[in-house]
Amino acid sequence: MDLTTRYLGLKLKTPLVASSSPLCKEISSIRELEDGGASAIVLHSLFEEQINLESNELDYFLSVGSDVSAEALEMFPDMTGYNVGPDDYLEHIRKAKAATKVPIIASLNGISSGGWIRFAKEIQQAGADALELNIYYLPTDKDLTSATVEKAHRELVLAIKDSVRIPIAVKLAPYFSSIPNMAKQLDEVGADALVLFNRFYQPDFDLERLEVVPSLVLSRSNEVKLRLHWTSILYDQIKADLAITGGVHTAEDVVKCMMAGAKVAMMTSAILEYGPHYFNVVRKNLELWMEEHEYESVKQMQGSMSMQKVSNPSAFQRANYMKVLSSYTLAPGPTLTRTR
């Protein structure tokens, strides 16, 4: 049974990839991910703020924060204690490459060009097989147009592509007004892959301390539906590979990702929950599913349930919205007892 797939020009043993997470910070953990069955590993991200700390540059997108008071600078996190700095990150890439046989994909997290171009080149020199641009930006300025945000994404990817030879993947948010058009723009400037989608970790309110606090909730399988929807729509419409991350927990989730048109299914939450060996558990269950359903290869199923291939493509469009609403049956609710 052939589980191989090609992603970013790299031949992988299976479509199971370890996405960026704290598990990628230590070489010993990276070895465990490889031994556990990951066919490629995306390292934890180097943040734009860390690059700026080293270079003392604040080349933020559209000069965000340039007109705020000195007190407001406290909004920026203290990145010095988060993880390794830029130079240490490059050394981490070298050590990861020396310690493993699977492809190592570096990750940059930010929005502005700043020091990204220089570090993209150094990441390439350090031996990374590819680079994932984790473009994490939440526009909060009411005067900032969607066209401006899209232009910033496009120009950033173009600048990086012009600077390095290694393949570039772009990890996107699901909040663009037209995801197909944004995908087309990034495809046109040379993105080798699109990763759908970034999970934004939204803060919570501490009602006792009256503070806004960070909140981390691991994903569940139901979150993969959004990724399946857009991957199915984008399949065969762009040249770039498609990857799904967020909500991949079981072999069935992986099958759905492949049928939607993804080249790889990336996992983090399930691995944090069950450990690196869980990759092999999913792989074995994937083999069993393929055997039971008479699939000889992963390639055979890729894109088979995309909008281009299914008999009823309206299932991905407005008709499905109306069908779901009209098919719902309201169940009898519990009897409420009024209390004082």
Protein backbone atom coordinates (compact mmCIF):
# COMPACT_ATOMS: atom_id res chain seq x y z
CA MET A 1 0.00 0.00 0.00
CA ASP A 2 1.48 3.33 -1.11
CA LEU A 3 1.15 6.06 1.53
CA THR A 4 3.65 8.42 -0.10
CA THR A 5 2.79 11.96 -1.11
CA ARG A 6 4.62 15.00 -2.48
CA TYR A 7 4.51 18.29 -0.64
CA LEU A 8 6.64 21.36 -1.43
CA GLY A 9 8.51 19.25 -3.94
CA LEU A 10 9.51 16.82 -1.17
CA LYS A 11 8.62 13.13 -1.31
CA LEU A 12 7.16 12.13 2.06
CA LYS A 13 6.62 8.61 3.37
CA THR A 14 3.11 9.47 4.55
CA PRO A 15 0.87 12.56 4.54
CA LEU A 16 1.28 12.90 8.34
CA VAL A 17 3.26 16.02 9.21
CA ALA A 18 4.09 17.52 12.60
CA SER A 19 2.98 21.14 12.49
CA SER A 20 4.66 23.94 14.39
CA SER A 21 4.40 23.46 18.17
CA PRO A 22 6.43 23.51 21.41
CA LEU A 23 7.29 19.86 20.69
CA CYS A 24 9.69 21.11 18.01
CA LYS A 25 11.80 23.20 20.40
CA GLU A 26 14.04 20.38 21.64
CA ILE A 27 16.14 18.07 19.46
CA SER A 28 15.16 15.10 21.62
CA SER A 29 11.48 15.85 20.98
CA ILE A 30 12.10 16.20 17.25
CA ARG A 31 13.69 12.73 17.25
CA GLU A 32 10.62 11.41 19.07
CA LEU A 33 8.35 12.94 16.43
CA GLU A 34 10.35 11.24 13.68
CA ASP A 35 10.39 7.91 15.52
CA GLY A 36 6.68 8.33 16.24
CA GLY A 37 5.87 8.48 12.53
CA ALA A 38 5.98 12.13 11.41
CA SER A 39 7.02 12.25 7.75
CA ALA A 40 8.15 15.91 8.02
CA ILE A 41 8.47 18.40 10.86
CA VAL A 42 7.59 22.10 10.92
CA LEU A 43 9.71 23.75 13.59
CA HIS A 44 8.31 26.14 16.17
CA SER A 45 8.12 29.69 14.83
CA LEU A 46 10.73 32.41 14.96
CA PHE A 47 8.70 35.52 15.74
CA GLU A 48 9.10 38.83 13.97
CA GLU A 49 9.36 40.49 17.38
CA GLN A 50 12.44 38.39 18.14
CA ILE A 51 14.10 39.49 14.91
CA ASN A 52 13.27 43.10 15.75
CA LEU A 53 14.71 42.70 19.23
CA GLU A 54 18.03 41.65 17.76
CA SER A 55 18.16 44.34 15.08
CA ASN A 56 16.40 47.08 17.08
CA GLU A 57 14.10 47.60 14.12
CA LEU A 58 10.38 48.25 14.50
CA ASP A 59 9.37 47.91 10.88
CA TYR A 60 5.83 46.89 11.72
CA PHE A 61 3.10 46.58 9.15
CA LEU A 62 1.98 50.10 8.15
CA SER A 63 3.94 51.46 11.13
CA VAL A 64 1.39 50.06 13.56
CA GLY A 65 1.95 51.58 16.99
CA SER A 66 4.12 54.47 15.76
CA ASP A 67 1.66 57.06 17.04
CA VAL A 68 0.85 55.56 20.42
CA SER A 69 2.08 56.79 23.77
CA ALA A 70 5.08 55.35 25.54
CA GLU A 71 2.81 53.60 28.01
CA ALA A 72 1.07 51.77 25.18
CA LEU A 73 4.31 50.05 24.21
CA GLU A 74 3.56 47.63 27.03
CA MET A 75 1.14 45.99 24.58
CA PHE A 76 4.10 44.31 22.89
CA PRO A 77 5.10 41.05 24.57
CA ASP A 78 8.48 40.46 26.14
CA MET A 79 9.85 37.96 23.63
CA THR A 80 13.22 37.55 25.34
CA GLY A 81 11.94 34.75 27.53
CA TYR A 82 9.67 33.05 25.01
CA ASN A 83 12.14 30.82 23.20
CA VAL A 84 15.48 30.88 21.42
CA GLY A 85 16.65 34.02 19.61
CA PRO A 86 17.32 34.30 15.87
CA ASP A 87 20.90 33.01 15.93
CA ASP A 88 19.96 30.12 18.20
CA TYR A 89 17.07 29.31 15.87
CA LEU A 90 19.47 28.93 12.95
CA GLU A 91 21.64 26.61 15.04
CA HIS A 92 18.50 24.67 15.99
CA ILE A 93 17.80 24.08 12.29
CA ARG A 94 21.33 22.73 11.76
CA LYS A 95 21.03 20.38 14.73
CA ALA A 96 17.57 19.19 13.65
CA LYS A 97 18.84 18.40 10.15
CA ALA A 98 21.80 16.50 11.56
CA ALA A 99 19.62 14.54 13.99
CA THR A 100 16.85 13.42 11.59
CA LYS A 101 16.23 11.99 8.13
CA VAL A 102 12.82 13.58 7.55
CA PRO A 103 12.46 17.05 5.95
CA ILE A 104 12.76 19.98 8.35
CA ILE A 105 10.56 23.00 7.58
CA ALA A 106 11.41 26.27 9.34
CA SER A 107 8.71 28.75 10.37
CA LEU A 108 8.60 32.55 10.47
CA ASN A 109 5.72 34.26 12.30
CA GLY A 110 4.82 37.90 11.65
CA ILE A 111 3.53 40.30 8.99
CA SER A 112 6.11 42.88 7.87
CA SER A 113 9.19 42.33 5.74
CA GLY A 114 11.57 43.80 8.35
CA GLY A 115 14.31 41.27 9.00
CA TRP A 116 12.38 38.42 7.40
CA ILE A 117 14.25 38.54 4.11
CA ARG A 118 17.66 38.37 5.75
CA PHE A 119 16.61 35.55 8.05
CA ALA A 120 14.90 33.68 5.24
CA LYS A 121 18.26 33.59 3.48
CA GLU A 122 20.03 32.46 6.65
CA ILE A 123 17.38 29.81 7.26
CA GLN A 124 18.09 28.48 3.79
CA GLN A 125 21.83 28.47 4.50
CA ALA A 126 21.22 26.63 7.78
CA GLY A 127 19.82 23.73 5.76
CA ALA A 128 16.05 23.95 6.12
CA ASP A 129 14.26 21.99 3.41
CA ALA A 130 11.48 24.58 3.18
CA LEU A 131 10.08 27.64 4.94
CA GLU A 132 6.55 28.17 6.25
CA LEU A 133 5.43 31.80 6.51
CA ASN A 134 3.00 31.92 9.41
CA ILE A 135 1.38 35.27 8.59
CA TYR A 136 -0.38 36.07 11.85
CA TYR A 137 -2.08 39.46 11.70
CA LEU A 138 -5.33 40.72 13.14
CA PRO A 139 -6.37 44.06 11.62
CA THR A 140 -7.95 46.21 14.35
CA ASP A 141 -7.78 49.60 12.60
CA LYS A 142 -11.20 50.51 11.16
CA ASP A 143 -9.53 52.52 8.39
CA LEU A 144 -7.46 49.56 7.19
CA THR A 145 -9.02 48.11 4.05
CA SER A 146 -9.09 44.47 3.03
CA ALA A 147 -7.23 45.38 -0.16
CA THR A 148 -4.37 46.81 1.91
CA VAL A 149 -4.16 43.68 4.05
CA GLU A 150 -4.14 41.44 0.96
CA LYS A 151 -1.45 43.58 -0.66
CA ALA A 152 0.75 43.22 2.42
CA HIS A 153 0.44 39.42 2.27
CA ARG A 154 1.16 39.34 -1.46
CA GLU A 155 4.19 41.63 -1.27
CA LEU A 156 5.65 39.77 1.70
CA VAL A 157 5.45 36.41 -0.08
CA LEU A 158 6.87 37.91 -3.27
CA ALA A 159 9.81 39.44 -1.38
CA ILE A 160 10.65 36.13 0.30
CA LYS A 161 10.30 34.15 -2.94
CA ASP A 162 12.69 36.53 -4.67
CA SER A 163 15.24 36.02 -1.87
CA VAL A 164 15.47 32.24 -1.45
CA ARG A 165 15.45 29.04 -3.51
CA ILE A 166 13.84 26.71 -0.99
CA PRO A 167 10.07 26.10 -1.27
CA ILE A 168 7.75 28.52 0.54
CA ALA A 169 4.48 27.56 2.23
CA VAL A 170 2.06 30.24 3.42
CA LYS A 171 -0.08 29.56 6.50
CA LEU A 172 -3.28 31.54 6.07
CA ALA A 173 -6.13 32.75 8.26
CA PRO A 174 -9.71 31.90 7.25
CA TYR A 175 -10.94 35.50 7.49
CA PHE A 176 -10.32 36.96 4.02
CA SER A 177 -13.35 38.38 2.26
CA SER A 178 -12.51 36.13 -0.72
CA ILE A 179 -10.32 33.17 0.15
CA PRO A 180 -10.14 31.89 -3.48
CA ASN A 181 -8.92 35.29 -4.70
CA MET A 182 -6.33 35.55 -1.92
CA ALA A 183 -5.16 32.04 -2.77
CA LYS A 184 -4.92 33.03 -6.44
CA GLN A 185 -2.84 36.11 -5.61
CA LEU A 186 -0.38 34.13 -3.48
CA ASP A 187 -0.22 31.42 -6.15
CA GLU A 188 0.64 34.04 -8.77
CA VAL A 189 3.57 35.43 -6.74
CA GLY A 190 5.03 31.95 -6.36
CA ALA A 191 3.79 30.39 -3.11
CA ASP A 192 4.60 26.69 -3.33
CA ALA A 193 1.92 25.67 -0.84
CA LEU A 194 -0.96 27.09 1.18
CA VAL A 195 -1.62 25.82 4.70
CA LEU A 196 -5.28 26.05 5.75
CA PHE A 197 -5.79 27.46 8.37
CA ASN A 198 -4.04 29.30 11.15
CA ARG A 199 -5.76 28.96 14.53
CA PHE A 200 -6.02 32.32 16.24
CA TYR A 201 -5.69 31.94 19.99
CA GLN A 202 -8.27 34.36 21.30
CA PRO A 203 -7.99 35.85 24.78
CA ASP A 204 -10.47 35.31 27.59
CA PHE A 205 -11.70 37.61 30.37
CA ASP A 206 -10.74 36.97 33.99
CA LEU A 207 -13.88 38.25 35.76
CA GLU A 208 -12.30 38.22 39.22
CA ARG A 209 -9.14 40.13 38.33
CA LEU A 210 -10.81 42.06 35.49
CA GLU A 211 -7.95 41.27 33.15
CA VAL A 212 -7.66 39.98 29.61
CA VAL A 213 -5.75 36.70 29.79
CA PRO A 214 -4.33 34.32 27.15
CA SER A 215 -6.31 31.16 26.53
CA LEU A 216 -5.14 27.97 24.81
CA VAL A 217 -7.69 25.34 23.85
CA LEU A 218 -6.63 22.27 21.88
CA SER A 219 -8.49 21.61 18.64
CA ARG A 220 -11.05 18.86 18.06
CA SER A 221 -12.03 16.96 14.91
CA ASN A 222 -15.06 19.16 14.22
CA GLU A 223 -12.70 22.05 13.40
CA VAL A 224 -11.42 20.24 10.32
CA LYS A 225 -14.71 20.89 8.48
CA LEU A 226 -13.80 24.50 7.67
CA ARG A 227 -10.46 23.33 6.24
CA LEU A 228 -12.11 20.58 4.20
CA HIS A 229 -14.60 23.06 2.75
CA TRP A 230 -12.01 25.50 1.39
CA THR A 231 -9.49 22.86 0.37
CA SER A 232 -12.21 21.17 -1.69
CA ILE A 233 -13.01 24.48 -3.37
CA LEU A 234 -9.38 25.45 -4.07
CA TYR A 235 -8.29 22.05 -5.36
CA ASP A 236 -7.26 22.23 -9.04
CA GLN A 237 -7.84 25.99 -9.12
CA ILE A 238 -4.26 26.88 -8.13
CA LYS A 239 -0.84 25.33 -8.74
CA ALA A 240 0.29 25.53 -5.11
CA ASP A 241 0.04 22.43 -2.92
CA LEU A 242 -2.65 22.46 -0.25
CA ALA A 243 -2.09 21.41 3.36
CA ILE A 244 -4.63 21.13 6.15
CA THR A 245 -3.86 21.97 9.76
CA GLY A 246 -6.32 22.28 12.62
CA GLY A 247 -8.71 19.55 13.71
CA VAL A 248 -6.80 16.54 12.34
CA HIS A 249 -7.06 13.87 15.04
CA THR A 250 -7.96 10.52 13.47
CA ALA A 251 -7.23 8.40 10.40
CA GLU A 252 -10.70 9.31 9.13
CA ASP A 253 -9.78 12.99 9.41
CA VAL A 254 -6.67 12.31 7.32
CA VAL A 255 -8.74 10.47 4.68
CA LYS A 256 -11.10 13.45 4.47
CA CYS A 257 -8.15 15.82 4.08
CA MET A 258 -6.76 13.76 1.21
CA MET A 259 -10.13 13.46 -0.50
CA ALA A 260 -10.62 17.22 -0.24
CA GLY A 261 -7.36 17.67 -2.13
CA ALA A 262 -4.67 18.19 0.50
CA LYS A 263 -1.18 16.79 0.01
CA VAL A 264 -0.53 16.53 3.76
CA ALA A 265 -2.49 16.57 7.02
CA MET A 266 -0.69 18.41 9.82
CA MET A 267 -1.17 17.51 13.48
CA THR A 268 -0.43 19.31 16.74
CA SER A 269 -3.24 19.09 19.30
CA ALA A 270 -3.61 15.31 19.03
CA ILE A 271 0.15 14.87 19.43
CA LEU A 272 0.23 17.20 22.45
CA GLU A 273 -2.60 15.15 23.93
CA TYR A 274 -1.42 11.60 23.16
CA GLY A 275 2.32 11.90 22.47
CA PRO A 276 4.57 11.59 19.38
CA HIS A 277 3.84 7.87 18.98
CA TYR A 278 0.28 8.81 17.98
CA PHE A 279 1.48 9.45 14.42
CA ASN A 280 2.08 5.71 14.04
CA VAL A 281 -1.34 4.94 15.54
CA VAL A 282 -2.99 7.16 12.92
CA ARG A 283 -0.82 5.68 10.16
CA LYS A 284 -1.82 2.11 11.06
CA ASN A 285 -5.50 3.07 11.20
CA LEU A 286 -5.11 4.83 7.85
CA GLU A 287 -3.71 1.64 6.32
CA LEU A 288 -6.62 -0.37 7.75
CA TRP A 289 -9.17 2.08 6.35
CA MET A 290 -7.54 1.99 2.91
CA GLU A 291 -7.43 -1.79 2.93
CA GLU A 292 -11.09 -2.07 3.96
CA HIS A 293 -12.16 0.41 1.26
CA GLU A 294 -9.82 -1.00 -1.42
CA TYR A 295 -7.57 2.05 -1.89
CA GLU A 296 -4.07 1.23 -3.13
CA SER A 297 -2.50 4.66 -2.58
CA VAL A 298 -2.97 8.05 -0.98
CA LYS A 299 -2.63 9.63 -4.42
CA GLN A 300 -5.69 7.68 -5.57
CA MET A 301 -7.92 9.46 -3.05
CA GLN A 302 -6.42 12.98 -3.28
CA GLY A 303 -9.01 15.41 -4.60
CA SER A 304 -11.64 12.73 -5.17
CA MET A 305 -14.19 14.65 -3.06
CA SER A 306 -13.23 18.14 -4.24
CA MET A 307 -15.76 20.53 -5.72
CA GLN A 308 -14.32 19.76 -9.16
CA LYS A 309 -14.93 16.01 -8.79
CA VAL A 310 -18.16 15.48 -6.86
CA SER A 311 -21.45 14.99 -8.67
CA ASN A 312 -23.13 17.79 -6.73
CA PRO A 313 -20.73 20.77 -6.44
CA SER A 314 -23.53 22.92 -5.01
CA ALA A 315 -22.90 21.09 -1.73
CA PHE A 316 -20.02 23.51 -1.23
CA GLN A 317 -22.10 26.56 -2.06
CA ARG A 318 -25.26 28.34 -0.92
CA ALA A 319 -27.56 25.41 -1.74
CA ASN A 320 -25.97 23.40 1.07
CA TYR A 321 -26.59 26.26 3.52
CA MET A 322 -30.31 26.21 2.74
CA LYS A 323 -30.47 22.41 2.83
CA VAL A 324 -28.86 22.21 6.27
CA LEU A 325 -31.22 24.79 7.75
CA SER A 326 -34.35 23.24 6.23
CA SER A 327 -33.40 19.71 7.33
CA TYR A 328 -33.02 20.53 11.02
CA THR A 329 -35.77 19.16 13.26
CA LEU A 330 -36.33 20.94 16.54
CA ALA A 331 -36.26 18.46 19.40
CA PRO A 332 -38.55 18.88 22.43
CA GLY A 333 -36.76 20.94 25.03
CA PRO A 334 -36.58 20.20 28.78
CA THR A 335 -39.22 21.55 31.11
CA LEU A 336 -37.86 24.56 32.95
CA THR A 337 -38.60 25.07 36.62
CA ARG A 338 -38.52 28.63 37.82
CA THR A 339 -36.36 29.22 40.85
CA ARG A 340 -35.89 32.23 43.06
